[in-house]
Amino acid sequence: MSLLTVVVPCYNEEEAIPFFYEEMLKTIEVFNKDFPSVEFEMLFIDDGSKDKTLKVLREYNEKDKRVRYVSFSRNFGKEAGIYAGLDNAKGDYVVIMDADLQDPPSLLPEMFKAVTEEGFDSAATRRVTRKGEPVIRSFFARMFYKLMARISKTEIVDGARDYRIMTRQMVNAILSMGEYNRFTKGIYGWVGFETKWFEYENVERVAGETKWSFWKLFMYSIEGVIGFSTAPLVISSFFGILCMLLAFVMIVFIIIRKLIYGDPTSGWPSLVCIIMLIGGMQLSCIGIVGEYLAKTYLETKHRPIYIAKEIR
């Protein structure tokens, strides 16, 4: 018998969990017709929810032995939830899914077949449309993936979801990367392994509201850029060299103008604009360096990625 662990990170998902549980029961029933030798466990990660998520998980845990959960002492974020799920999963194969049913469970049998019969180490999903999302957020999401494709050597697939199934070998490789500042989409690409991609159209949430605001997604994208590319540091160095070259050219220009035309008085507005421009570039470059230093500082503290308050 093989064990398949379904890891489900949750934050304030009391409304969605019952729908997810019922859908998973249907999926397991269909799944076992093709793979009767596979057992399931559902591992919910309560990321410090402020609603009744933990109460709902306790109820399901009492009536169904296949349901386990880990409850955090506070909200650590989805990345910590994913890591905790992989860390506590017992399965020979591990799949990560969202509780809001935006990750179609119906794809699970095909994904499992890819890793057990077709020789892949992982089967992952990506959205081919962003129907239902705000236009501005969709635009910036596409720009982020295009940017990462240019500045990072790690492959990060456009529209990739966290919904994927992995072999135990790949799970152990991901767990070996114990970094505090985590960007899982980049980690998947960095550890390598052969992955088969499944495409599907965007699905609306079954219940509740998204926890990802535009600001949170923006900060998450910065995490990805800093974690898997040093291009911003190169760009800041390039701006510094460019400013020095421009300053040298201007010095030569001023000397030549002095020798030919004397010393005509220049207007102060242009001088103020130049000072503001150079000052802004300097502050931006210092900010970029500061972000890398801040991440390094947090890593050196060796803080735990998560703290579990209750495990069943």
C-alpha atoms as a PDB file:
ATOM      1  CA  MET A   1       0.000   0.000   0.000  1.00  0.00           C
ATOM      2  CA  SER A   2       1.132   3.534  -0.817  1.00  0.00           C
ATOM      3  CA  LEU A   3       0.188   6.593   1.217  1.00  0.00           C
ATOM      4  CA  LEU A   4      -0.791   9.876  -0.439  1.00  0.00           C
ATOM      5  CA  THR A   5      -0.762  12.945   1.808  1.00  0.00           C
ATOM      6  CA  VAL A   6      -2.896  15.932   0.790  1.00  0.00           C
ATOM      7  CA  VAL A   7      -1.431  19.072   2.390  1.00  0.00           C
ATOM      8  CA  VAL A   8      -3.954  21.912   2.755  1.00  0.00           C
ATOM      9  CA  PRO A   9      -2.701  25.279   4.114  1.00  0.00           C
ATOM     10  CA  CYS A  10      -5.603  27.165   5.739  1.00  0.00           C
ATOM     11  CA  TYR A  11      -6.067  30.694   7.000  1.00  0.00           C
ATOM     12  CA  ASN A  12      -9.618  31.696   7.992  1.00  0.00           C
ATOM     13  CA  GLU A  13     -11.173  28.990   5.811  1.00  0.00           C
ATOM     14  CA  GLU A  14     -14.018  27.791   8.061  1.00  0.00           C
ATOM     15  CA  GLU A  15     -16.521  28.324   5.225  1.00  0.00           C
ATOM     16  CA  ALA A  16     -14.472  26.543   2.551  1.00  0.00           C
ATOM     17  CA  ILE A  17     -13.242  23.483   4.487  1.00  0.00           C
ATOM     18  CA  PRO A  18     -16.602  21.604   4.497  1.00  0.00           C
ATOM     19  CA  PHE A  19     -16.880  22.016   0.717  1.00  0.00           C
ATOM     20  CA  PHE A  20     -13.284  20.884   0.286  1.00  0.00           C
ATOM     21  CA  TYR A  21     -13.752  17.841   2.519  1.00  0.00           C
ATOM     22  CA  GLU A  22     -16.874  16.683   0.679  1.00  0.00           C
ATOM     23  CA  GLU A  23     -15.192  17.157  -2.685  1.00  0.00           C
ATOM     24  CA  MET A  24     -12.149  15.197  -1.529  1.00  0.00           C
ATOM     25  CA  LEU A  25     -14.368  12.280  -0.429  1.00  0.00           C
ATOM     26  CA  LYS A  26     -15.803  12.140  -3.951  1.00  0.00           C
ATOM     27  CA  THR A  27     -12.317  12.375  -5.462  1.00  0.00           C
ATOM     28  CA  ILE A  28     -10.969   9.587  -3.215  1.00  0.00           C
ATOM     29  CA  GLU A  29     -13.858   7.325  -4.222  1.00  0.00           C
ATOM     30  CA  VAL A  30     -13.114   7.841  -7.932  1.00  0.00           C
ATOM     31  CA  PHE A  31      -9.361   7.686  -7.314  1.00  0.00           C
ATOM     32  CA  ASN A  32      -9.488   4.304  -5.568  1.00  0.00           C
ATOM     33  CA  LYS A  33     -11.240   2.710  -8.535  1.00  0.00           C
ATOM     34  CA  ASP A  34      -8.087   3.225 -10.600  1.00  0.00           C
ATOM     35  CA  PHE A  35      -5.587   2.989  -7.728  1.00  0.00           C
ATOM     36  CA  PRO A  36      -7.023   0.669  -5.057  1.00  0.00           C
ATOM     37  CA  SER A  37      -3.661   0.227  -3.351  1.00  0.00           C
ATOM     38  CA  VAL A  38      -3.382   3.909  -2.389  1.00  0.00           C
ATOM     39  CA  GLU A  39      -4.443   5.228   1.002  1.00  0.00           C
ATOM     40  CA  PHE A  40      -5.153   8.888   1.729  1.00  0.00           C
ATOM     41  CA  GLU A  41      -4.501  11.272   4.566  1.00  0.00           C
ATOM     42  CA  MET A  42      -5.566  14.917   4.625  1.00  0.00           C
ATOM     43  CA  LEU A  43      -3.159  17.162   6.506  1.00  0.00           C
ATOM     44  CA  PHE A  44      -4.593  20.617   7.208  1.00  0.00           C
ATOM     45  CA  ILE A  45      -2.256  23.404   8.319  1.00  0.00           C
ATOM     46  CA  ASP A  46      -4.068  26.032  10.372  1.00  0.00           C
ATOM     47  CA  ASP A  47      -1.988  29.166   9.880  1.00  0.00           C
ATOM     48  CA  GLY A  48      -3.097  30.941  13.048  1.00  0.00           C
ATOM     49  CA  SER A  49      -6.678  31.444  11.832  1.00  0.00           C
ATOM     50  CA  LYS A  50      -8.844  33.961  13.711  1.00  0.00           C
ATOM     51  CA  ASP A  51     -12.163  32.333  12.806  1.00  0.00           C
ATOM     52  CA  LYS A  52     -13.458  28.838  13.638  1.00  0.00           C
ATOM     53  CA  THR A  53     -11.101  26.991  11.267  1.00  0.00           C
ATOM     54  CA  LEU A  54      -9.411  25.084  14.105  1.00  0.00           C
ATOM     55  CA  LYS A  55     -12.764  24.066  15.604  1.00  0.00           C
ATOM     56  CA  VAL A  56     -13.881  22.687  12.228  1.00  0.00           C
ATOM     57  CA  LEU A  57     -10.627  20.748  11.855  1.00  0.00           C
ATOM     58  CA  ARG A  58     -11.012  19.237  15.323  1.00  0.00           C
ATOM     59  CA  GLU A  59     -14.476  17.995  14.410  1.00  0.00           C
ATOM     60  CA  TYR A  60     -13.294  16.351  11.199  1.00  0.00           C
ATOM     61  CA  ASN A  61     -10.295  14.865  13.000  1.00  0.00           C
ATOM     62  CA  GLU A  62     -12.586  13.185  15.557  1.00  0.00           C
ATOM     63  CA  LYS A  63     -14.878  11.586  12.971  1.00  0.00           C
ATOM     64  CA  ASP A  64     -12.324  10.726  10.251  1.00  0.00           C
ATOM     65  CA  LYS A  65      -8.931   9.161  11.022  1.00  0.00           C
ATOM     66  CA  ARG A  66      -7.636  10.264   7.660  1.00  0.00           C
ATOM     67  CA  VAL A  67      -7.825  13.913   8.759  1.00  0.00           C
ATOM     68  CA  ARG A  68      -4.814  15.340  10.600  1.00  0.00           C
ATOM     69  CA  TYR A  69      -3.962  18.934  11.360  1.00  0.00           C
ATOM     70  CA  VAL A  70      -1.188  21.186  12.603  1.00  0.00           C
ATOM     71  CA  SER A  71      -2.195  24.482  14.220  1.00  0.00           C
ATOM     72  CA  PHE A  72       0.319  27.339  14.421  1.00  0.00           C
ATOM     73  CA  SER A  73       0.812  29.547  17.467  1.00  0.00           C
ATOM     74  CA  ARG A  74       0.201  32.579  15.204  1.00  0.00           C
ATOM     75  CA  ASN A  75      -0.034  33.490  11.541  1.00  0.00           C
ATOM     76  CA  PHE A  76       3.295  32.641   9.876  1.00  0.00           C
ATOM     77  CA  GLY A  77       2.156  32.923   6.251  1.00  0.00           C
ATOM     78  CA  LYS A  78       1.364  30.455   3.497  1.00  0.00           C
ATOM     79  CA  GLU A  79       5.018  29.663   2.785  1.00  0.00           C
ATOM     80  CA  ALA A  80       5.445  28.472   6.373  1.00  0.00           C
ATOM     81  CA  GLY A  81       2.196  26.514   5.998  1.00  0.00           C
ATOM     82  CA  ILE A  82       3.489  24.705   2.918  1.00  0.00           C
ATOM     83  CA  TYR A  83       6.784  23.898   4.634  1.00  0.00           C
ATOM     84  CA  ALA A  84       4.992  22.611   7.741  1.00  0.00           C
ATOM     85  CA  GLY A  85       2.771  20.438   5.576  1.00  0.00           C
ATOM     86  CA  LEU A  86       5.734  18.859   3.817  1.00  0.00           C
ATOM     87  CA  ASP A  87       7.562  18.520   7.126  1.00  0.00           C
ATOM     88  CA  ASN A  88       4.681  16.622   8.773  1.00  0.00           C
ATOM     89  CA  ALA A  89       3.486  14.624   5.756  1.00  0.00           C
ATOM     90  CA  LYS A  90       3.931  10.865   6.108  1.00  0.00           C
ATOM     91  CA  GLY A  91       3.004   9.943   2.538  1.00  0.00           C
ATOM     92  CA  ASP A  92       5.103   8.297  -0.146  1.00  0.00           C
ATOM     93  CA  TYR A  93       3.592  10.982  -2.365  1.00  0.00           C
ATOM     94  CA  VAL A  94       2.585  14.470  -1.267  1.00  0.00           C
ATOM     95  CA  VAL A  95       0.158  16.853  -2.950  1.00  0.00           C
ATOM     96  CA  ILE A  96      -0.395  20.510  -2.019  1.00  0.00           C
ATOM     97  CA  MET A  97      -3.872  21.980  -2.521  1.00  0.00           C
ATOM     98  CA  ASP A  98      -5.777  25.103  -1.477  1.00  0.00           C
ATOM     99  CA  ALA A  99      -8.917  24.742   0.625  1.00  0.00           C
ATOM    100  CA  ASP A 100     -10.947  27.096  -1.577  1.00  0.00           C
ATOM    101  CA  LEU A 101     -11.258  24.506  -4.420  1.00  0.00           C
ATOM    102  CA  GLN A 102      -9.479  26.769  -6.888  1.00  0.00           C
ATOM    103  CA  ASP A 103      -7.258  23.710  -7.343  1.00  0.00           C
ATOM    104  CA  PRO A 104      -9.546  21.139  -9.046  1.00  0.00           C
ATOM    105  CA  PRO A 105      -9.337  17.783  -7.169  1.00  0.00           C
ATOM    106  CA  SER A 106     -10.567  16.091 -10.366  1.00  0.00           C
ATOM    107  CA  LEU A 107      -7.041  16.456 -11.803  1.00  0.00           C
ATOM    108  CA  LEU A 108      -5.519  14.378  -9.013  1.00  0.00           C
ATOM    109  CA  PRO A 109      -5.827  10.911 -10.665  1.00  0.00           C
ATOM    110  CA  GLU A 110      -4.098  12.127 -13.841  1.00  0.00           C
ATOM    111  CA  MET A 111      -1.389  13.859 -11.813  1.00  0.00           C
ATOM    112  CA  PHE A 112      -0.800  10.728  -9.736  1.00  0.00           C
ATOM    113  CA  LYS A 113      -0.512   8.650 -12.899  1.00  0.00           C
ATOM    114  CA  ALA A 114       2.189  11.025 -14.174  1.00  0.00           C
ATOM    115  CA  VAL A 115       4.452  10.368 -11.171  1.00  0.00           C
ATOM    116  CA  THR A 116       3.741   6.650 -10.789  1.00  0.00           C
ATOM    117  CA  GLU A 117       3.455   5.403 -14.370  1.00  0.00           C
ATOM    118  CA  GLU A 118       5.082   8.022 -16.597  1.00  0.00           C
ATOM    119  CA  GLY A 119       8.321   8.479 -14.663  1.00  0.00           C
ATOM    120  CA  PHE A 120       7.909  12.102 -13.584  1.00  0.00           C
ATOM    121  CA  ASP A 121       9.077  13.285 -10.169  1.00  0.00           C
ATOM    122  CA  SER A 122       6.345  15.886  -9.958  1.00  0.00           C
ATOM    123  CA  ALA A 123       3.081  16.851 -11.630  1.00  0.00           C
ATOM    124  CA  ALA A 124       2.203  20.535 -11.334  1.00  0.00           C
ATOM    125  CA  THR A 125      -0.586  22.828 -12.499  1.00  0.00           C
ATOM    126  CA  ARG A 126      -0.714  26.241 -14.122  1.00  0.00           C
ATOM    127  CA  ARG A 127      -3.580  28.534 -15.004  1.00  0.00           C
ATOM    128  CA  VAL A 128      -3.895  29.498 -18.662  1.00  0.00           C
ATOM    129  CA  THR A 129      -6.440  32.235 -17.908  1.00  0.00           C
ATOM    130  CA  ARG A 130      -6.974  34.668 -15.044  1.00  0.00           C
ATOM    131  CA  LYS A 131     -10.690  35.109 -15.562  1.00  0.00           C
ATOM    132  CA  GLY A 132     -12.334  36.671 -12.526  1.00  0.00           C
ATOM    133  CA  GLU A 133      -9.186  38.399 -11.261  1.00  0.00           C
ATOM    134  CA  PRO A 134      -8.809  42.204 -11.210  1.00  0.00           C
ATOM    135  CA  VAL A 135      -7.252  43.407 -14.467  1.00  0.00           C
ATOM    136  CA  ILE A 136      -4.461  45.354 -12.777  1.00  0.00           C
ATOM    137  CA  ARG A 137      -3.446  42.394 -10.609  1.00  0.00           C
ATOM    138  CA  SER A 138      -3.406  40.061 -13.615  1.00  0.00           C
ATOM    139  CA  PHE A 139      -1.259  42.524 -15.566  1.00  0.00           C
ATOM    140  CA  PHE A 140       1.350  42.850 -12.821  1.00  0.00           C
ATOM    141  CA  ALA A 141       1.365  39.070 -12.274  1.00  0.00           C
ATOM    142  CA  ARG A 142       2.244  38.503 -15.940  1.00  0.00           C
ATOM    143  CA  MET A 143       4.906  41.209 -15.776  1.00  0.00           C
ATOM    144  CA  PHE A 144       6.423  39.525 -12.718  1.00  0.00           C
ATOM    145  CA  TYR A 145       6.798  36.176 -14.491  1.00  0.00           C
ATOM    146  CA  LYS A 146       8.292  37.876 -17.559  1.00  0.00           C
ATOM    147  CA  LEU A 147      10.737  39.754 -15.334  1.00  0.00           C
ATOM    148  CA  MET A 148      11.793  36.593 -13.493  1.00  0.00           C
ATOM    149  CA  ALA A 149      12.336  34.798 -16.800  1.00  0.00           C
ATOM    150  CA  ARG A 150      14.861  37.479 -17.733  1.00  0.00           C
ATOM    151  CA  ILE A 151      16.735  38.043 -14.487  1.00  0.00           C
ATOM    152  CA  SER A 152      16.740  34.593 -12.858  1.00  0.00           C
ATOM    153  CA  LYS A 153      18.380  31.333 -13.874  1.00  0.00           C
ATOM    154  CA  THR A 154      15.713  29.415 -11.928  1.00  0.00           C
ATOM    155  CA  GLU A 155      12.687  28.414 -13.990  1.00  0.00           C
ATOM    156  CA  ILE A 156       9.455  29.916 -12.656  1.00  0.00           C
ATOM    157  CA  VAL A 157       6.522  29.022 -14.900  1.00  0.00           C
ATOM    158  CA  ASP A 158       3.949  31.700 -15.709  1.00  0.00           C
ATOM    159  CA  GLY A 159       0.638  30.992 -13.985  1.00  0.00           C
ATOM    160  CA  ALA A 160       2.084  28.201 -11.844  1.00  0.00           C
ATOM    161  CA  ARG A 161      -0.018  27.203  -8.858  1.00  0.00           C
ATOM    162  CA  ASP A 162       1.062  25.631  -5.583  1.00  0.00           C
ATOM    163  CA  TYR A 163      -1.137  22.663  -6.559  1.00  0.00           C
ATOM    164  CA  ARG A 164       1.261  19.838  -7.361  1.00  0.00           C
ATOM    165  CA  ILE A 165       2.042  16.249  -6.450  1.00  0.00           C
ATOM    166  CA  MET A 166       5.600  15.188  -5.615  1.00  0.00           C
ATOM    167  CA  THR A 167       7.528  12.039  -4.861  1.00  0.00           C
ATOM    168  CA  ARG A 168       9.064  11.584  -1.428  1.00  0.00           C
ATOM    169  CA  GLN A 169      12.516  12.199  -2.924  1.00  0.00           C
ATOM    170  CA  MET A 170      11.513  15.645  -4.194  1.00  0.00           C
ATOM    171  CA  VAL A 171       9.783  16.499  -0.913  1.00  0.00           C
ATOM    172  CA  ASN A 172      12.948  15.672   1.019  1.00  0.00           C
ATOM    173  CA  ALA A 173      14.976  17.857  -1.363  1.00  0.00           C
ATOM    174  CA  ILE A 174      12.651  20.810  -0.689  1.00  0.00           C
ATOM    175  CA  LEU A 175      12.802  20.244   3.079  1.00  0.00           C
ATOM    176  CA  SER A 176      16.593  20.286   2.906  1.00  0.00           C
ATOM    177  CA  MET A 177      16.349  23.955   1.896  1.00  0.00           C
ATOM    178  CA  GLY A 178      15.690  25.296   5.365  1.00  0.00           C
ATOM    179  CA  GLU A 179      15.859  28.980   4.470  1.00  0.00           C
ATOM    180  CA  TYR A 180      13.656  31.323   6.523  1.00  0.00           C
ATOM    181  CA  ASN A 181      12.676  33.627   3.658  1.00  0.00           C
ATOM    182  CA  ARG A 182      10.894  31.186   1.363  1.00  0.00           C
ATOM    183  CA  PHE A 183       9.573  31.513  -2.180  1.00  0.00           C
ATOM    184  CA  THR A 184       8.299  28.025  -2.949  1.00  0.00           C
ATOM    185  CA  LYS A 185       7.645  28.623  -6.657  1.00  0.00           C
ATOM    186  CA  GLY A 186      11.352  29.336  -7.030  1.00  0.00           C
ATOM    187  CA  ILE A 187      12.385  26.458  -4.764  1.00  0.00           C
ATOM    188  CA  TYR A 188      10.487  24.003  -6.991  1.00  0.00           C
ATOM    189  CA  GLY A 189      12.532  25.147  -9.958  1.00  0.00           C
ATOM    190  CA  TRP A 190      15.816  25.303  -8.059  1.00  0.00           C
ATOM    191  CA  VAL A 191      15.725  21.707  -6.768  1.00  0.00           C
ATOM    192  CA  GLY A 192      15.048  20.519 -10.317  1.00  0.00           C
ATOM    193  CA  PHE A 193      13.461  17.103 -10.908  1.00  0.00           C
ATOM    194  CA  GLU A 194      11.310  16.285 -13.909  1.00  0.00           C
ATOM    195  CA  THR A 195       7.872  17.898 -13.859  1.00  0.00           C
ATOM    196  CA  LYS A 196       4.790  17.376 -16.010  1.00  0.00           C
ATOM    197  CA  TRP A 197       2.502  20.396 -16.313  1.00  0.00           C
ATOM    198  CA  PHE A 198      -1.289  20.340 -16.367  1.00  0.00           C
ATOM    199  CA  GLU A 199      -3.135  23.403 -17.626  1.00  0.00           C
ATOM    200  CA  TYR A 200      -6.600  24.548 -16.616  1.00  0.00           C
ATOM    201  CA  GLU A 201      -8.710  27.686 -16.619  1.00  0.00           C
ATOM    202  CA  ASN A 202      -9.068  29.816 -13.528  1.00  0.00           C
ATOM    203  CA  VAL A 203     -11.677  28.610 -11.019  1.00  0.00           C
ATOM    204  CA  GLU A 204     -13.549  30.901  -8.618  1.00  0.00           C
ATOM    205  CA  ARG A 205     -13.363  30.355  -4.862  1.00  0.00           C
ATOM    206  CA  VAL A 206     -16.080  28.083  -3.511  1.00  0.00           C
ATOM    207  CA  ALA A 207     -16.503  30.195  -0.368  1.00  0.00           C
ATOM    208  CA  GLY A 208     -14.850  32.953   1.632  1.00  0.00           C
ATOM    209  CA  GLU A 209     -12.565  35.709   0.384  1.00  0.00           C
ATOM    210  CA  THR A 210      -9.012  35.705  -0.879  1.00  0.00           C
ATOM    211  CA  LYS A 211      -6.350  36.563   1.695  1.00  0.00           C
ATOM    212  CA  TRP A 212      -3.963  37.900  -0.946  1.00  0.00           C
ATOM    213  CA  SER A 213      -4.228  41.670  -1.349  1.00  0.00           C
ATOM    214  CA  PHE A 214      -2.311  43.520  -4.051  1.00  0.00           C
ATOM    215  CA  TRP A 215       0.207  44.721  -1.462  1.00  0.00           C
ATOM    216  CA  LYS A 216       0.827  41.198  -0.116  1.00  0.00           C
ATOM    217  CA  LEU A 217       1.350  39.896  -3.656  1.00  0.00           C
ATOM    218  CA  PHE A 218       3.737  42.770  -4.366  1.00  0.00           C
ATOM    219  CA  MET A 219       5.811  41.993  -1.261  1.00  0.00           C
ATOM    220  CA  TYR A 220       5.726  38.296  -2.161  1.00  0.00           C
ATOM    221  CA  SER A 221       7.083  39.107  -5.630  1.00  0.00           C
ATOM    222  CA  ILE A 222       9.960  41.056  -4.056  1.00  0.00           C
ATOM    223  CA  GLU A 223      10.693  37.944  -1.981  1.00  0.00           C
ATOM    224  CA  GLY A 224      10.970  35.968  -5.211  1.00  0.00           C
ATOM    225  CA  VAL A 225      13.222  38.496  -6.942  1.00  0.00           C
ATOM    226  CA  ILE A 226      15.613  38.791  -3.991  1.00  0.00           C
ATOM    227  CA  GLY A 227      15.595  35.066  -3.277  1.00  0.00           C
ATOM    228  CA  PHE A 228      16.390  33.908  -6.804  1.00  0.00           C
ATOM    229  CA  SER A 229      18.218  36.728  -8.555  1.00  0.00           C
ATOM    230  CA  THR A 230      21.049  39.151  -7.882  1.00  0.00           C
ATOM    231  CA  ALA A 231      20.159  41.240 -10.956  1.00  0.00           C
ATOM    232  CA  PRO A 232      18.893  44.206  -8.855  1.00  0.00           C
ATOM    233  CA  LEU A 233      22.364  44.551  -7.344  1.00  0.00           C
ATOM    234  CA  VAL A 234      23.917  44.525 -10.814  1.00  0.00           C
ATOM    235  CA  ILE A 235      21.411  47.145 -11.994  1.00  0.00           C
ATOM    236  CA  SER A 236      22.180  49.424  -9.038  1.00  0.00           C
ATOM    237  CA  SER A 237      25.908  49.112  -9.811  1.00  0.00           C
ATOM    238  CA  PHE A 238      25.186  49.923 -13.450  1.00  0.00           C
ATOM    239  CA  PHE A 239      23.335  53.107 -12.446  1.00  0.00           C
ATOM    240  CA  GLY A 240      26.291  54.139 -10.308  1.00  0.00           C
ATOM    241  CA  ILE A 241      28.759  53.671 -13.174  1.00  0.00           C
ATOM    242  CA  LEU A 242      26.410  55.471 -15.573  1.00  0.00           C
ATOM    243  CA  CYS A 243      26.164  58.465 -13.239  1.00  0.00           C
ATOM    244  CA  MET A 244      29.960  58.663 -12.964  1.00  0.00           C
ATOM    245  CA  LEU A 245      30.321  58.589 -16.754  1.00  0.00           C
ATOM    246  CA  LEU A 246      27.710  61.304 -17.171  1.00  0.00           C
ATOM    247  CA  ALA A 247      29.439  63.408 -14.501  1.00  0.00           C
ATOM    248  CA  PHE A 248      32.783  63.022 -16.296  1.00  0.00           C
ATOM    249  CA  VAL A 249      31.225  64.057 -19.615  1.00  0.00           C
ATOM    250  CA  MET A 250      29.607  67.105 -17.972  1.00  0.00           C
ATOM    251  CA  ILE A 251      32.911  68.146 -16.376  1.00  0.00           C
ATOM    252  CA  VAL A 252      34.629  68.042 -19.778  1.00  0.00           C
ATOM    253  CA  PHE A 253      31.718  69.997 -21.280  1.00  0.00           C
ATOM    254  CA  ILE A 254      31.902  72.697 -18.587  1.00  0.00           C
ATOM    255  CA  ILE A 255      35.679  73.087 -19.006  1.00  0.00           C
ATOM    256  CA  ILE A 256      35.372  73.445 -22.790  1.00  0.00           C
ATOM    257  CA  ARG A 257      32.489  75.936 -22.447  1.00  0.00           C
ATOM    258  CA  LYS A 258      34.524  77.960 -19.949  1.00  0.00           C
ATOM    259  CA  LEU A 259      37.482  78.175 -22.339  1.00  0.00           C
ATOM    260  CA  ILE A 260      35.325  79.185 -25.317  1.00  0.00           C
ATOM    261  CA  TYR A 261      32.476  81.313 -23.881  1.00  0.00           C
ATOM    262  CA  GLY A 262      33.786  82.411 -20.541  1.00  0.00           C
ATOM    263  CA  ASP A 263      31.602  81.637 -17.497  1.00  0.00           C
ATOM    264  CA  PRO A 264      27.895  82.024 -18.327  1.00  0.00           C
ATOM    265  CA  THR A 265      25.597  81.592 -15.312  1.00  0.00           C
ATOM    266  CA  SER A 266      23.362  78.498 -15.455  1.00  0.00           C
ATOM    267  CA  GLY A 267      19.854  78.373 -14.001  1.00  0.00           C
ATOM    268  CA  TRP A 268      19.366  76.824 -10.551  1.00  0.00           C
ATOM    269  CA  PRO A 269      16.196  74.834 -11.493  1.00  0.00           C
ATOM    270  CA  SER A 270      18.189  72.466 -13.702  1.00  0.00           C
ATOM    271  CA  LEU A 271      20.723  72.020 -10.915  1.00  0.00           C
ATOM    272  CA  VAL A 272      17.981  71.145  -8.403  1.00  0.00           C
ATOM    273  CA  CYS A 273      16.486  68.615 -10.851  1.00  0.00           C
ATOM    274  CA  ILE A 274      19.855  66.933 -11.312  1.00  0.00           C
ATOM    275  CA  ILE A 275      20.450  66.783  -7.555  1.00  0.00           C
ATOM    276  CA  MET A 276      16.999  65.273  -6.997  1.00  0.00           C
ATOM    277  CA  LEU A 277      17.549  62.739  -9.794  1.00  0.00           C
ATOM    278  CA  ILE A 278      20.944  61.587  -8.534  1.00  0.00           C
ATOM    279  CA  GLY A 279      19.736  61.583  -4.906  1.00  0.00           C
ATOM    280  CA  GLY A 280      16.724  59.473  -5.823  1.00  0.00           C
ATOM    281  CA  MET A 281      18.901  56.974  -7.699  1.00  0.00           C
ATOM    282  CA  GLN A 282      21.263  56.733  -4.742  1.00  0.00           C
ATOM    283  CA  LEU A 283      18.437  56.102  -2.289  1.00  0.00           C
ATOM    284  CA  SER A 284      16.940  53.462  -4.610  1.00  0.00           C
ATOM    285  CA  CYS A 285      20.266  51.644  -4.895  1.00  0.00           C
ATOM    286  CA  ILE A 286      20.782  51.805  -1.131  1.00  0.00           C
ATOM    287  CA  GLY A 287      17.266  50.403  -0.699  1.00  0.00           C
ATOM    288  CA  ILE A 288      18.038  47.474  -3.006  1.00  0.00           C
ATOM    289  CA  VAL A 289      21.221  46.661  -1.109  1.00  0.00           C
ATOM    290  CA  GLY A 290      19.292  47.080   2.151  1.00  0.00           C
ATOM    291  CA  GLU A 291      16.716  44.473   1.105  1.00  0.00           C
ATOM    292  CA  TYR A 292      19.437  41.885   0.483  1.00  0.00           C
ATOM    293  CA  LEU A 293      21.115  42.758   3.786  1.00  0.00           C
ATOM    294  CA  ALA A 294      17.799  42.500   5.636  1.00  0.00           C
ATOM    295  CA  LYS A 295      17.135  39.015   4.245  1.00  0.00           C
ATOM    296  CA  THR A 296      20.673  37.955   5.163  1.00  0.00           C
ATOM    297  CA  TYR A 297      20.163  39.351   8.667  1.00  0.00           C
ATOM    298  CA  LEU A 298      16.937  37.353   9.127  1.00  0.00           C
ATOM    299  CA  GLU A 299      18.615  34.166   7.889  1.00  0.00           C
ATOM    300  CA  THR A 300      21.466  34.509  10.403  1.00  0.00           C
ATOM    301  CA  LYS A 301      18.977  34.539  13.297  1.00  0.00           C
ATOM    302  CA  HIS A 302      18.047  30.919  12.508  1.00  0.00           C
ATOM    303  CA  ARG A 303      14.488  31.409  13.678  1.00  0.00           C
ATOM    304  CA  PRO A 304      12.070  28.492  13.156  1.00  0.00           C
ATOM    305  CA  ILE A 305       9.966  28.694  10.015  1.00  0.00           C
ATOM    306  CA  TYR A 306       6.863  27.900  12.081  1.00  0.00           C
ATOM    307  CA  ILE A 307       5.831  27.083  15.650  1.00  0.00           C
ATOM    308  CA  ALA A 308       3.139  24.460  16.130  1.00  0.00           C
ATOM    309  CA  LYS A 309       0.735  24.981  19.024  1.00  0.00           C
ATOM    310  CA  GLU A 310      -1.405  21.884  18.456  1.00  0.00           C
ATOM    311  CA  ILE A 311      -0.811  18.736  16.383  1.00  0.00           C
ATOM    312  CA  ARG A 312      -3.224  15.860  15.852  1.00  0.00           C
END
